């Protein structure tokens, strides 16, 4: 079911059916493995337009195939999870506050 749903999304792109996305995310959540949850997170963001579908869908299709292939080991699943997580947006919070920059950047001579 997971592979059929991701294939449908790839074929119908750029039009993304919200019902297909919801069904796919639900199936992935029920699977519960780390790769499935990473895929679900990215699919959700693609559905909300936060990640470009043209970039994400091919990688998602490969990851779904990896997830569903019972011959593959945890090692392959972790590699696919890492690849999928590289699609996630970076946090927008700054690493350093403005106050820290002001107080710590003055040089004394």
PDB file of N, CA and C in Angstrom:
ATOM      1  N   UNK A   1       0.826  -1.194   0.000  1.00  0.00           N
ATOM      2  CA  UNK A   1       0.000   0.000   0.000  1.00  0.00           C
ATOM      3  C   UNK A   1       0.876   1.267   0.000  1.00  0.00           C
ATOM      4  N   UNK A   2       1.969   1.267   0.789  1.00  0.00           N
ATOM      5  CA  UNK A   2       2.849   2.426   0.856  1.00  0.00           C
ATOM      6  C   UNK A   2       3.455   2.713  -0.506  1.00  0.00           C
ATOM      7  N   UNK A   3       3.968   1.679  -1.165  1.00  0.00           N
ATOM      8  CA  UNK A   3       4.589   1.881  -2.479  1.00  0.00           C
ATOM      9  C   UNK A   3       3.567   2.348  -3.512  1.00  0.00           C
ATOM     10  N   UNK A   4       2.370   1.825  -3.455  1.00  0.00           N
ATOM     11  CA  UNK A   4       1.330   2.239  -4.401  1.00  0.00           C
ATOM     12  C   UNK A   4       0.959   3.709  -4.204  1.00  0.00           C
ATOM     13  N   UNK A   5       0.878   4.141  -2.958  1.00  0.00           N
ATOM     14  CA  UNK A   5       0.512   5.530  -2.676  1.00  0.00           C
ATOM     15  C   UNK A   5       1.605   6.508  -3.099  1.00  0.00           C
ATOM     16  N   UNK A   6       2.868   6.192  -2.818  1.00  0.00           N
ATOM     17  CA  UNK A   6       3.939   7.106  -3.223  1.00  0.00           C
ATOM     18  C   UNK A   6       4.064   7.135  -4.740  1.00  0.00           C
ATOM     19  N   UNK A   7       3.847   5.993  -5.389  1.00  0.00           N
ATOM     20  CA  UNK A   7       3.882   5.941  -6.859  1.00  0.00           C
ATOM     21  C   UNK A   7       2.772   6.817  -7.437  1.00  0.00           C
ATOM     22  N   UNK A   8       1.611   6.767  -6.824  1.00  0.00           N
ATOM     23  CA  UNK A   8       0.493   7.617  -7.266  1.00  0.00           C
ATOM     24  C   UNK A   8       0.860   9.097  -7.152  1.00  0.00           C
ATOM     25  N   UNK A   9       1.467   9.484  -6.030  1.00  0.00           N
ATOM     26  CA  UNK A   9       1.855  10.889  -5.849  1.00  0.00           C
ATOM     27  C   UNK A   9       2.890  11.312  -6.889  1.00  0.00           C
ATOM     28  N   UNK A  10       3.859  10.442  -7.157  1.00  0.00           N
ATOM     29  CA  UNK A  10       4.881  10.757  -8.164  1.00  0.00           C
ATOM     30  C   UNK A  10       4.245  10.924  -9.538  1.00  0.00           C
ATOM     31  N   UNK A  11       3.359  10.027  -9.894  1.00  0.00           N
ATOM     32  CA  UNK A  11       2.719  10.076 -11.222  1.00  0.00           C
ATOM     33  C   UNK A  11       1.816  11.282 -11.394  1.00  0.00           C
ATOM     34  N   UNK A  12       1.155  11.692 -10.335  1.00  0.00           N
ATOM     35  CA  UNK A  12       0.195  12.792 -10.428  1.00  0.00           C
ATOM     36  C   UNK A  12       0.816  14.168 -10.187  1.00  0.00           C
ATOM     37  N   UNK A  13       2.088  14.191  -9.801  1.00  0.00           N
ATOM     38  CA  UNK A  13       2.757  15.472  -9.540  1.00  0.00           C
ATOM     39  C   UNK A  13       2.741  16.322 -10.798  1.00  0.00           C
ATOM     40  N   UNK A  14       2.588  17.610 -10.682  1.00  0.00           N
ATOM     41  CA  UNK A  14       2.674  18.433  -9.476  1.00  0.00           C
ATOM     42  C   UNK A  14       1.371  18.528  -8.680  1.00  0.00           C
ATOM     43  N   UNK A  15       0.300  17.917  -9.181  1.00  0.00           N
ATOM     44  CA  UNK A  15      -0.956  17.924  -8.424  1.00  0.00           C
ATOM     45  C   UNK A  15      -0.849  16.866  -7.333  1.00  0.00           C
ATOM     46  N   UNK A  16      -0.980  17.269  -6.091  1.00  0.00           N
ATOM     47  CA  UNK A  16      -0.876  16.338  -4.977  1.00  0.00           C
ATOM     48  C   UNK A  16      -2.241  16.199  -4.308  1.00  0.00           C
ATOM     49  N   UNK A  17      -2.736  14.979  -4.285  1.00  0.00           N
ATOM     50  CA  UNK A  17      -4.037  14.689  -3.689  1.00  0.00           C
ATOM     51  C   UNK A  17      -3.899  14.650  -2.166  1.00  0.00           C
ATOM     52  N   UNK A  18      -4.543  15.578  -1.464  1.00  0.00           N
ATOM     53  CA  UNK A  18      -4.444  15.595  -0.001  1.00  0.00           C
ATOM     54  C   UNK A  18      -4.885  14.282   0.651  1.00  0.00           C
ATOM     55  N   UNK A  19      -5.895  13.622   0.073  1.00  0.00           N
ATOM     56  CA  UNK A  19      -6.361  12.347   0.633  1.00  0.00           C
ATOM     57  C   UNK A  19      -5.294  11.268   0.494  1.00  0.00           C
ATOM     58  N   UNK A  20      -4.584  11.253  -0.625  1.00  0.00           N
ATOM     59  CA  UNK A  20      -3.506  10.278  -0.819  1.00  0.00           C
ATOM     60  C   UNK A  20      -2.362  10.552   0.152  1.00  0.00           C
ATOM     61  N   UNK A  21      -2.055  11.822   0.355  1.00  0.00           N
ATOM     62  CA  UNK A  21      -1.001  12.188   1.307  1.00  0.00           C
ATOM     63  C   UNK A  21      -1.388  11.740   2.711  1.00  0.00           C
ATOM     64  N   UNK A  22      -2.611  12.013   3.112  1.00  0.00           N
ATOM     65  CA  UNK A  22      -3.080  11.637   4.445  1.00  0.00           C
ATOM     66  C   UNK A  22      -3.060  10.120   4.640  1.00  0.00           C
ATOM     67  N   UNK A  23      -3.507   9.384   3.628  1.00  0.00           N
ATOM     68  CA  UNK A  23      -3.505   7.926   3.714  1.00  0.00           C
ATOM     69  C   UNK A  23      -2.085   7.383   3.811  1.00  0.00           C
ATOM     70  N   UNK A  24      -1.166   7.963   3.030  1.00  0.00           N
ATOM     71  CA  UNK A  24       0.228   7.538   3.066  1.00  0.00           C
ATOM     72  C   UNK A  24       0.850   7.838   4.433  1.00  0.00           C
ATOM     73  N   UNK A  25       0.629   9.028   4.943  1.00  0.00           N
ATOM     74  CA  UNK A  25       1.177   9.398   6.253  1.00  0.00           C
ATOM     75  C   UNK A  25       0.618   8.476   7.343  1.00  0.00           C
ATOM     76  N   UNK A  26      -0.650   8.157   7.284  1.00  0.00           N
ATOM     77  CA  UNK A  26      -1.251   7.244   8.265  1.00  0.00           C
ATOM     78  C   UNK A  26      -0.615   5.854   8.189  1.00  0.00           C
ATOM     79  N   UNK A  27      -0.413   5.345   6.976  1.00  0.00           N
ATOM     80  CA  UNK A  27       0.202   4.021   6.806  1.00  0.00           C
ATOM     81  C   UNK A  27       1.636   4.018   7.328  1.00  0.00           C
ATOM     82  N   UNK A  28       2.356   5.090   7.077  1.00  0.00           N
ATOM     83  CA  UNK A  28       3.732   5.198   7.565  1.00  0.00           C
ATOM     84  C   UNK A  28       3.774   5.296   9.086  1.00  0.00           C
ATOM     85  N   UNK A  29       2.845   6.040   9.662  1.00  0.00           N
ATOM     86  CA  UNK A  29       2.784   6.171  11.125  1.00  0.00           C
ATOM     87  C   UNK A  29       2.470   4.826  11.768  1.00  0.00           C
ATOM     88  N   UNK A  30       1.594   4.057  11.148  1.00  0.00           N
ATOM     89  CA  UNK A  30       1.274   2.723  11.672  1.00  0.00           C
ATOM     90  C   UNK A  30       2.474   1.803  11.598  1.00  0.00           C
ATOM     91  N   UNK A  31       3.305   1.963  10.575  1.00  0.00           N
ATOM     92  CA  UNK A  31       4.518   1.155  10.465  1.00  0.00           C
ATOM     93  C   UNK A  31       5.412   1.428  11.666  1.00  0.00           C
ATOM     94  N   UNK A  32       5.642   2.697  11.958  1.00  0.00           N
ATOM     95  CA  UNK A  32       6.336   3.101  13.166  1.00  0.00           C
ATOM     96  C   UNK A  32       7.846   3.007  13.194  1.00  0.00           C
ATOM     97  N   UNK A  33       8.461   2.412  12.200  1.00  0.00           N
ATOM     98  CA  UNK A  33       9.925   2.336  12.187  1.00  0.00           C
ATOM     99  C   UNK A  33      10.497   3.722  11.910  1.00  0.00           C
ATOM    100  N   UNK A  34      11.749   3.970  12.331  1.00  0.00           N
ATOM    101  CA  UNK A  34      12.336   5.305  12.145  1.00  0.00           C
ATOM    102  C   UNK A  34      12.307   5.792  10.697  1.00  0.00           C
ATOM    103  N   UNK A  35      12.575   4.917   9.738  1.00  0.00           N
ATOM    104  CA  UNK A  35      12.525   5.326   8.333  1.00  0.00           C
ATOM    105  C   UNK A  35      11.114   5.736   7.954  1.00  0.00           C
ATOM    106  N   UNK A  36      10.130   4.976   8.364  1.00  0.00           N
ATOM    107  CA  UNK A  36       8.733   5.293   8.039  1.00  0.00           C
ATOM    108  C   UNK A  36       8.332   6.643   8.625  1.00  0.00           C
ATOM    109  N   UNK A  37       8.753   6.910   9.851  1.00  0.00           N
ATOM    110  CA  UNK A  37       8.400   8.184  10.493  1.00  0.00           C
ATOM    111  C   UNK A  37       9.098   9.367   9.826  1.00  0.00           C
ATOM    112  N   UNK A  38      10.333   9.163   9.376  1.00  0.00           N
ATOM    113  CA  UNK A  38      11.041  10.227   8.652  1.00  0.00           C
ATOM    114  C   UNK A  38      10.351  10.510   7.321  1.00  0.00           C
ATOM    115  N   UNK A  39       9.949   9.458   6.627  1.00  0.00           N
ATOM    116  CA  UNK A  39       9.236   9.625   5.354  1.00  0.00           C
ATOM    117  C   UNK A  39       7.928  10.372   5.609  1.00  0.00           C
ATOM    118  N   UNK A  40       7.203   9.979   6.643  1.00  0.00           N
ATOM    119  CA  UNK A  40       5.920  10.619   6.952  1.00  0.00           C
ATOM    120  C   UNK A  40       6.090  12.110   7.211  1.00  0.00           C
ATOM    121  N   UNK A  41       7.146  12.469   7.925  1.00  0.00           N
ATOM    122  CA  UNK A  41       7.400  13.880   8.229  1.00  0.00           C
ATOM    123  C   UNK A  41       7.635  14.680   6.942  1.00  0.00           C
ATOM    124  N   UNK A  42       8.443  14.122   6.042  1.00  0.00           N
ATOM    125  CA  UNK A  42       8.751  14.823   4.791  1.00  0.00           C
ATOM    126  C   UNK A  42       7.524  14.867   3.889  1.00  0.00           C
ATOM    127  N   UNK A  43       6.766  13.785   3.812  1.00  0.00           N
ATOM    128  CA  UNK A  43       5.544  13.774   2.991  1.00  0.00           C
ATOM    129  C   UNK A  43       4.576  14.841   3.498  1.00  0.00           C
ATOM    130  N   UNK A  44       4.443  14.962   4.796  1.00  0.00           N
ATOM    131  CA  UNK A  44       3.562  15.987   5.371  1.00  0.00           C
ATOM    132  C   UNK A  44       4.010  17.384   4.952  1.00  0.00           C
ATOM    133  N   UNK A  45       5.308  17.646   5.030  1.00  0.00           N
ATOM    134  CA  UNK A  45       5.821  18.957   4.644  1.00  0.00           C
ATOM    135  C   UNK A  45       5.689  19.211   3.150  1.00  0.00           C
ATOM    136  N   UNK A  46       5.818  18.174   2.341  1.00  0.00           N
ATOM    137  CA  UNK A  46       5.577  18.316   0.900  1.00  0.00           C
ATOM    138  C   UNK A  46       4.117  18.701   0.677  1.00  0.00           C
ATOM    139  N   UNK A  47       3.222  18.039   1.386  1.00  0.00           N
ATOM    140  CA  UNK A  47       1.795  18.337   1.262  1.00  0.00           C
ATOM    141  C   UNK A  47       1.446  19.761   1.654  1.00  0.00           C
ATOM    142  N   UNK A  48       2.200  20.318   2.605  1.00  0.00           N
ATOM    143  CA  UNK A  48       1.970  21.702   3.044  1.00  0.00           C
ATOM    144  C   UNK A  48       2.757  22.710   2.215  1.00  0.00           C
ATOM    145  N   UNK A  49       3.510  22.234   1.226  1.00  0.00           N
ATOM    146  CA  UNK A  49       4.281  23.131   0.378  1.00  0.00           C
ATOM    147  C   UNK A  49       5.563  23.641   1.012  1.00  0.00           C
ATOM    148  N   UNK A  50       5.995  23.058   2.119  1.00  0.00           N
ATOM    149  CA  UNK A  50       7.213  23.507   2.800  1.00  0.00           C
ATOM    150  C   UNK A  50       8.475  22.881   2.210  1.00  0.00           C
ATOM    151  N   UNK A  51       8.301  21.757   1.497  1.00  0.00           N
ATOM    152  CA  UNK A  51       9.398  21.109   0.786  1.00  0.00           C
ATOM    153  C   UNK A  51       8.938  20.917  -0.646  1.00  0.00           C
ATOM    154  N   UNK A  52       9.812  21.239  -1.603  1.00  0.00           N
ATOM    155  CA  UNK A  52       9.478  21.138  -3.017  1.00  0.00           C
ATOM    156  C   UNK A  52       9.229  19.678  -3.413  1.00  0.00           C
ATOM    157  N   UNK A  53       8.057  19.427  -3.994  1.00  0.00           N
ATOM    158  CA  UNK A  53       7.685  18.064  -4.391  1.00  0.00           C
ATOM    159  C   UNK A  53       8.609  17.520  -5.470  1.00  0.00           C
ATOM    160  N   UNK A  54       9.033  18.365  -6.397  1.00  0.00           N
ATOM    161  CA  UNK A  54       9.903  17.920  -7.481  1.00  0.00           C
ATOM    162  C   UNK A  54      11.243  17.405  -6.990  1.00  0.00           C
ATOM    163  N   UNK A  55      11.705  17.943  -5.888  1.00  0.00           N
ATOM    164  CA  UNK A  55      12.967  17.492  -5.300  1.00  0.00           C
ATOM    165  C   UNK A  55      12.733  16.279  -4.404  1.00  0.00           C
ATOM    166  N   UNK A  56      11.676  16.313  -3.611  1.00  0.00           N
ATOM    167  CA  UNK A  56      11.468  15.290  -2.589  1.00  0.00           C
ATOM    168  C   UNK A  56      10.862  13.992  -3.101  1.00  0.00           C
ATOM    169  N   UNK A  57       9.940  14.052  -4.048  1.00  0.00           N
ATOM    170  CA  UNK A  57       9.217  12.842  -4.428  1.00  0.00           C
ATOM    171  C   UNK A  57      10.100  11.706  -4.940  1.00  0.00           C
ATOM    172  N   UNK A  58      11.106  11.951  -5.771  1.00  0.00           N
ATOM    173  CA  UNK A  58      11.960  10.822  -6.188  1.00  0.00           C
ATOM    174  C   UNK A  58      12.675  10.162  -5.000  1.00  0.00           C
ATOM    175  N   UNK A  59      13.192  10.965  -4.087  1.00  0.00           N
ATOM    176  CA  UNK A  59      13.867  10.407  -2.907  1.00  0.00           C
ATOM    177  C   UNK A  59      12.868   9.675  -2.012  1.00  0.00           C
ATOM    178  N   UNK A  60      11.673  10.213  -1.881  1.00  0.00           N
ATOM    179  CA  UNK A  60      10.646   9.553  -1.084  1.00  0.00           C
ATOM    180  C   UNK A  60      10.247   8.216  -1.692  1.00  0.00           C
ATOM    181  N   UNK A  61      10.150   8.167  -3.009  1.00  0.00           N
ATOM    182  CA  UNK A  61       9.802   6.910  -3.681  1.00  0.00           C
ATOM    183  C   UNK A  61      10.870   5.850  -3.426  1.00  0.00           C
ATOM    184  N   UNK A  62      12.136   6.244  -3.520  1.00  0.00           N
ATOM    185  CA  UNK A  62      13.220   5.288  -3.246  1.00  0.00           C
ATOM    186  C   UNK A  62      13.192   4.839  -1.793  1.00  0.00           C
ATOM    187  N   UNK A  63      12.941   5.762  -0.887  1.00  0.00           N
ATOM    188  CA  UNK A  63      12.906   5.414   0.535  1.00  0.00           C
ATOM    189  C   UNK A  63      11.736   4.483   0.846  1.00  0.00           C
ATOM    190  N   UNK A  64      10.604   4.712   0.207  1.00  0.00           N
ATOM    191  CA  UNK A  64       9.453   3.825   0.416  1.00  0.00           C
ATOM    192  C   UNK A  64       9.747   2.419  -0.108  1.00  0.00           C
ATOM    193  N   UNK A  65      10.439   2.335  -1.227  1.00  0.00           N
ATOM    194  CA  UNK A  65      10.839   1.028  -1.758  1.00  0.00           C
ATOM    195  C   UNK A  65      11.787   0.338  -0.790  1.00  0.00           C
ATOM    196  N   UNK A  66      12.727   1.080  -0.236  1.00  0.00           N
ATOM    197  CA  UNK A  66      13.652   0.523   0.758  1.00  0.00           C
ATOM    198  C   UNK A  66      12.878   0.031   1.976  1.00  0.00           C
ATOM    199  N   UNK A  67      11.943   0.834   2.445  1.00  0.00           N
ATOM    200  CA  UNK A  67      11.145   0.482   3.617  1.00  0.00           C
ATOM    201  C   UNK A  67      10.378  -0.821   3.404  1.00  0.00           C
ATOM    202  N   UNK A  68       9.843  -1.004   2.215  1.00  0.00           N
ATOM    203  CA  UNK A  68       8.972  -2.149   1.943  1.00  0.00           C
ATOM    204  C   UNK A  68       9.712  -3.410   1.501  1.00  0.00           C
ATOM    205  N   UNK A  69      10.989  -3.295   1.204  1.00  0.00           N
ATOM    206  CA  UNK A  69      11.773  -4.451   0.759  1.00  0.00           C
ATOM    207  C   UNK A  69      12.248  -5.239   1.981  1.00  0.00           C
ATOM    208  N   UNK A  70      11.659  -6.384   2.205  1.00  0.00           N
ATOM    209  CA  UNK A  70      11.954  -7.190   3.390  1.00  0.00           C
ATOM    210  C   UNK A  70      13.356  -7.790   3.376  1.00  0.00           C
ATOM    211  N   UNK A  71      14.031  -7.772   2.229  1.00  0.00           N
ATOM    212  CA  UNK A  71      15.383  -8.319   2.148  1.00  0.00           C
ATOM    213  C   UNK A  71      16.431  -7.367   2.715  1.00  0.00           C
ATOM    214  N   UNK A  72      16.082  -6.102   2.846  1.00  0.00           N
ATOM    215  CA  UNK A  72      17.054  -5.105   3.277  1.00  0.00           C
ATOM    216  C   UNK A  72      17.186  -5.079   4.789  1.00  0.00           C
ATOM    217  N   UNK A  73      18.360  -4.692   5.237  1.00  0.00           N
ATOM    218  CA  UNK A  73      18.673  -4.686   6.667  1.00  0.00           C
ATOM    219  C   UNK A  73      18.475  -3.296   7.266  1.00  0.00           C
ATOM    220  N   UNK A  74      18.685  -3.231   8.565  1.00  0.00           N
ATOM    221  CA  UNK A  74      18.602  -1.953   9.280  1.00  0.00           C
ATOM    222  C   UNK A  74      19.614  -0.950   8.744  1.00  0.00           C
ATOM    223  N   UNK A  75      20.726  -1.433   8.280  1.00  0.00           N
ATOM    224  CA  UNK A  75      21.773  -0.557   7.726  1.00  0.00           C
ATOM    225  C   UNK A  75      21.248   0.216   6.513  1.00  0.00           C
ATOM    226  N   UNK A  76      20.581  -0.476   5.611  1.00  0.00           N
ATOM    227  CA  UNK A  76      20.009   0.198   4.434  1.00  0.00           C
ATOM    228  C   UNK A  76      18.882   1.148   4.844  1.00  0.00           C
ATOM    229  N   UNK A  77      18.110   0.738   5.832  1.00  0.00           N
ATOM    230  CA  UNK A  77      17.025   1.607   6.312  1.00  0.00           C
ATOM    231  C   UNK A  77      17.582   2.890   6.922  1.00  0.00           C
ATOM    232  N   UNK A  78      18.668   2.774   7.676  1.00  0.00           N
ATOM    233  CA  UNK A  78      19.275   3.957   8.286  1.00  0.00           C
ATOM    234  C   UNK A  78      19.875   4.881   7.229  1.00  0.00           C
ATOM    235  N   UNK A  79      20.459   4.318   6.193  1.00  0.00           N
ATOM    236  CA  UNK A  79      21.005   5.141   5.107  1.00  0.00           C
ATOM    237  C   UNK A  79      19.879   5.905   4.414  1.00  0.00           C
ATOM    238  N   UNK A  80      18.767   5.229   4.162  1.00  0.00           N
ATOM    239  CA  UNK A  80      17.622   5.885   3.524  1.00  0.00           C
ATOM    240  C   UNK A  80      17.029   6.947   4.435  1.00  0.00           C
ATOM    241  N   UNK A  81      16.963   6.662   5.744  1.00  0.00           N
ATOM    242  CA  UNK A  81      16.438   7.646   6.695  1.00  0.00           C
ATOM    243  C   UNK A  81      17.300   8.901   6.702  1.00  0.00           C
ATOM    244  N   UNK A  82      18.610   8.710   6.694  1.00  0.00           N
ATOM    245  CA  UNK A  82      19.521   9.857   6.669  1.00  0.00           C
ATOM    246  C   UNK A  82      19.279  10.701   5.416  1.00  0.00           C
ATOM    247  N   UNK A  83      19.155  10.040   4.274  1.00  0.00           N
ATOM    248  CA  UNK A  83      18.920  10.772   3.028  1.00  0.00           C
ATOM    249  C   UNK A  83      17.619  11.564   3.097  1.00  0.00           C
ATOM    250  N   UNK A  84      16.570  10.958   3.614  1.00  0.00           N
ATOM    251  CA  UNK A  84      15.275  11.635   3.712  1.00  0.00           C
ATOM    252  C   UNK A  84      15.349  12.813   4.683  1.00  0.00           C
ATOM    253  N   UNK A  85      16.043  12.629   5.782  1.00  0.00           N
ATOM    254  CA  UNK A  85      16.128  13.716   6.762  1.00  0.00           C
ATOM    255  C   UNK A  85      16.937  14.903   6.260  1.00  0.00           C
ATOM    256  N   UNK A  86      17.763  14.709   5.230  1.00  0.00           N
ATOM    257  CA  UNK A  86      18.470  15.856   4.649  1.00  0.00           C
ATOM    258  C   UNK A  86      17.512  16.784   3.913  1.00  0.00           C
ATOM    259  N   UNK A  87      16.316  16.325   3.631  1.00  0.00           N
ATOM    260  CA  UNK A  87      15.317  17.164   2.965  1.00  0.00           C
ATOM    261  C   UNK A  87      14.581  18.081   3.940  1.00  0.00           C
ATOM    262  N   UNK A  88      14.697  17.806   5.235  1.00  0.00           N
ATOM    263  CA  UNK A  88      13.971  18.599   6.228  1.00  0.00           C
ATOM    264  C   UNK A  88      14.528  20.014   6.300  1.00  0.00           C
ATOM    265  N   UNK A  89      13.650  21.009   6.445  1.00  0.00           N
ATOM    266  CA  UNK A  89      14.118  22.394   6.578  1.00  0.00           C
ATOM    267  C   UNK A  89      14.957  22.566   7.835  1.00  0.00           C
ATOM    268  N   UNK A  90      15.906  23.466   7.750  1.00  0.00           N
ATOM    269  CA  UNK A  90      16.736  23.779   8.910  1.00  0.00           C
ATOM    270  C   UNK A  90      15.956  24.656   9.875  1.00  0.00           C
ATOM    271  N   UNK A  91      16.270  24.589  11.160  1.00  0.00           N
ATOM    272  CA  UNK A  91      15.593  25.453  12.128  1.00  0.00           C
ATOM    273  C   UNK A  91      15.874  26.923  11.827  1.00  0.00           C
ATOM    274  N   UNK A  92      14.918  27.761  12.141  1.00  0.00           N
ATOM    275  CA  UNK A  92      15.074  29.183  11.878  1.00  0.00           C
ATOM    276  C   UNK A  92      15.593  29.960  13.068  1.00  0.00           C
ATOM    277  N   UNK A  93      15.672  29.346  14.216  1.00  0.00           N
ATOM    278  CA  UNK A  93      16.171  30.041  15.401  1.00  0.00           C
ATOM    279  C   UNK A  93      17.679  30.243  15.271  1.00  0.00           C
ATOM    280  N   UNK A  94      18.157  31.419  15.635  1.00  0.00           N
ATOM    281  CA  UNK A  94      19.595  31.672  15.540  1.00  0.00           C
ATOM    282  C   UNK A  94      20.363  30.858  16.572  1.00  0.00           C
ATOM    283  N   UNK A  95      21.584  30.506  16.218  1.00  0.00           N
ATOM    284  CA  UNK A  95      22.447  29.774  17.140  1.00  0.00           C
ATOM    285  C   UNK A  95      23.028  30.688  18.217  1.00  0.00           C
ATOM    286  N   UNK A  96      23.187  31.961  17.871  1.00  0.00           N
ATOM    287  CA  UNK A  96      23.797  32.929  18.785  1.00  0.00           C
ATOM    288  C   UNK A  96      22.855  34.121  18.888  1.00  0.00           C
ATOM    289  N   UNK A  97      22.616  34.576  20.094  1.00  0.00           N
ATOM    290  CA  UNK A  97      21.740  35.727  20.282  1.00  0.00           C
ATOM    291  C   UNK A  97      22.472  37.014  19.938  1.00  0.00           C
ATOM    292  N   UNK A  98      21.724  38.057  19.671  1.00  0.00           N
ATOM    293  CA  UNK A  98      22.297  39.368  19.372  1.00  0.00           C
ATOM    294  C   UNK A  98      23.077  39.873  20.582  1.00  0.00           C
ATOM    295  N   UNK A  99      22.545  39.670  21.777  1.00  0.00           N
ATOM    296  CA  UNK A  99      23.244  40.108  22.991  1.00  0.00           C
ATOM    297  C   UNK A  99      24.600  39.428  23.141  1.00  0.00           C
ATOM    298  N   UNK A 100      24.670  38.156  22.830  1.00  0.00           N
ATOM    299  CA  UNK A 100      25.942  37.439  22.923  1.00  0.00           C
ATOM    300  C   UNK A 100      26.942  37.979  21.907  1.00  0.00           C
ATOM    301  N   UNK A 101      26.453  38.344  20.740  1.00  0.00           N
ATOM    302  CA  UNK A 101      27.343  38.920  19.729  1.00  0.00           C
ATOM    303  C   UNK A 101      27.878  40.271  20.185  1.00  0.00           C
ATOM    304  N   UNK A 102      27.011  41.067  20.772  1.00  0.00           N
ATOM    305  CA  UNK A 102      27.416  42.406  21.213  1.00  0.00           C
ATOM    306  C   UNK A 102      28.429  42.335  22.345  1.00  0.00           C
ATOM    307  N   UNK A 103      28.204  41.476  23.295  1.00  0.00           N
ATOM    308  CA  UNK A 103      29.087  41.442  24.457  1.00  0.00           C
ATOM    309  C   UNK A 103      30.361  40.639  24.211  1.00  0.00           C
ATOM    310  N   UNK A 104      30.315  39.663  23.349  1.00  0.00           N
ATOM    311  CA  UNK A 104      31.470  38.811  23.156  1.00  0.00           C
ATOM    312  C   UNK A 104      32.343  39.149  21.972  1.00  0.00           C
ATOM    313  N   UNK A 105      31.936  40.090  21.144  1.00  0.00           N
ATOM    314  CA  UNK A 105      32.713  40.334  19.925  1.00  0.00           C
ATOM    315  C   UNK A 105      33.648  41.524  20.013  1.00  0.00           C
ATOM    316  N   UNK A 106      33.662  42.222  21.123  1.00  0.00           N
ATOM    317  CA  UNK A 106      34.538  43.386  21.254  1.00  0.00           C
ATOM    318  C   UNK A 106      35.956  42.931  21.539  1.00  0.00           C
ATOM    319  N   UNK A 107      36.860  43.470  20.763  1.00  0.00           N
ATOM    320  CA  UNK A 107      38.268  43.146  20.980  1.00  0.00           C
ATOM    321  C   UNK A 107      38.912  44.222  21.832  1.00  0.00           C
ATOM    322  N   UNK A 108      39.761  43.775  22.675  1.00  0.00           N
ATOM    323  CA  UNK A 108      40.514  44.718  23.507  1.00  0.00           C
ATOM    324  C   UNK A 108      41.959  44.699  23.039  1.00  0.00           C
ATOM    325  N   UNK A 109      42.494  45.844  22.869  1.00  0.00           N
ATOM    326  CA  UNK A 109      43.889  45.942  22.408  1.00  0.00           C
ATOM    327  C   UNK A 109      44.795  46.537  23.445  1.00  0.00           C
TER     328      UNK A 109
END
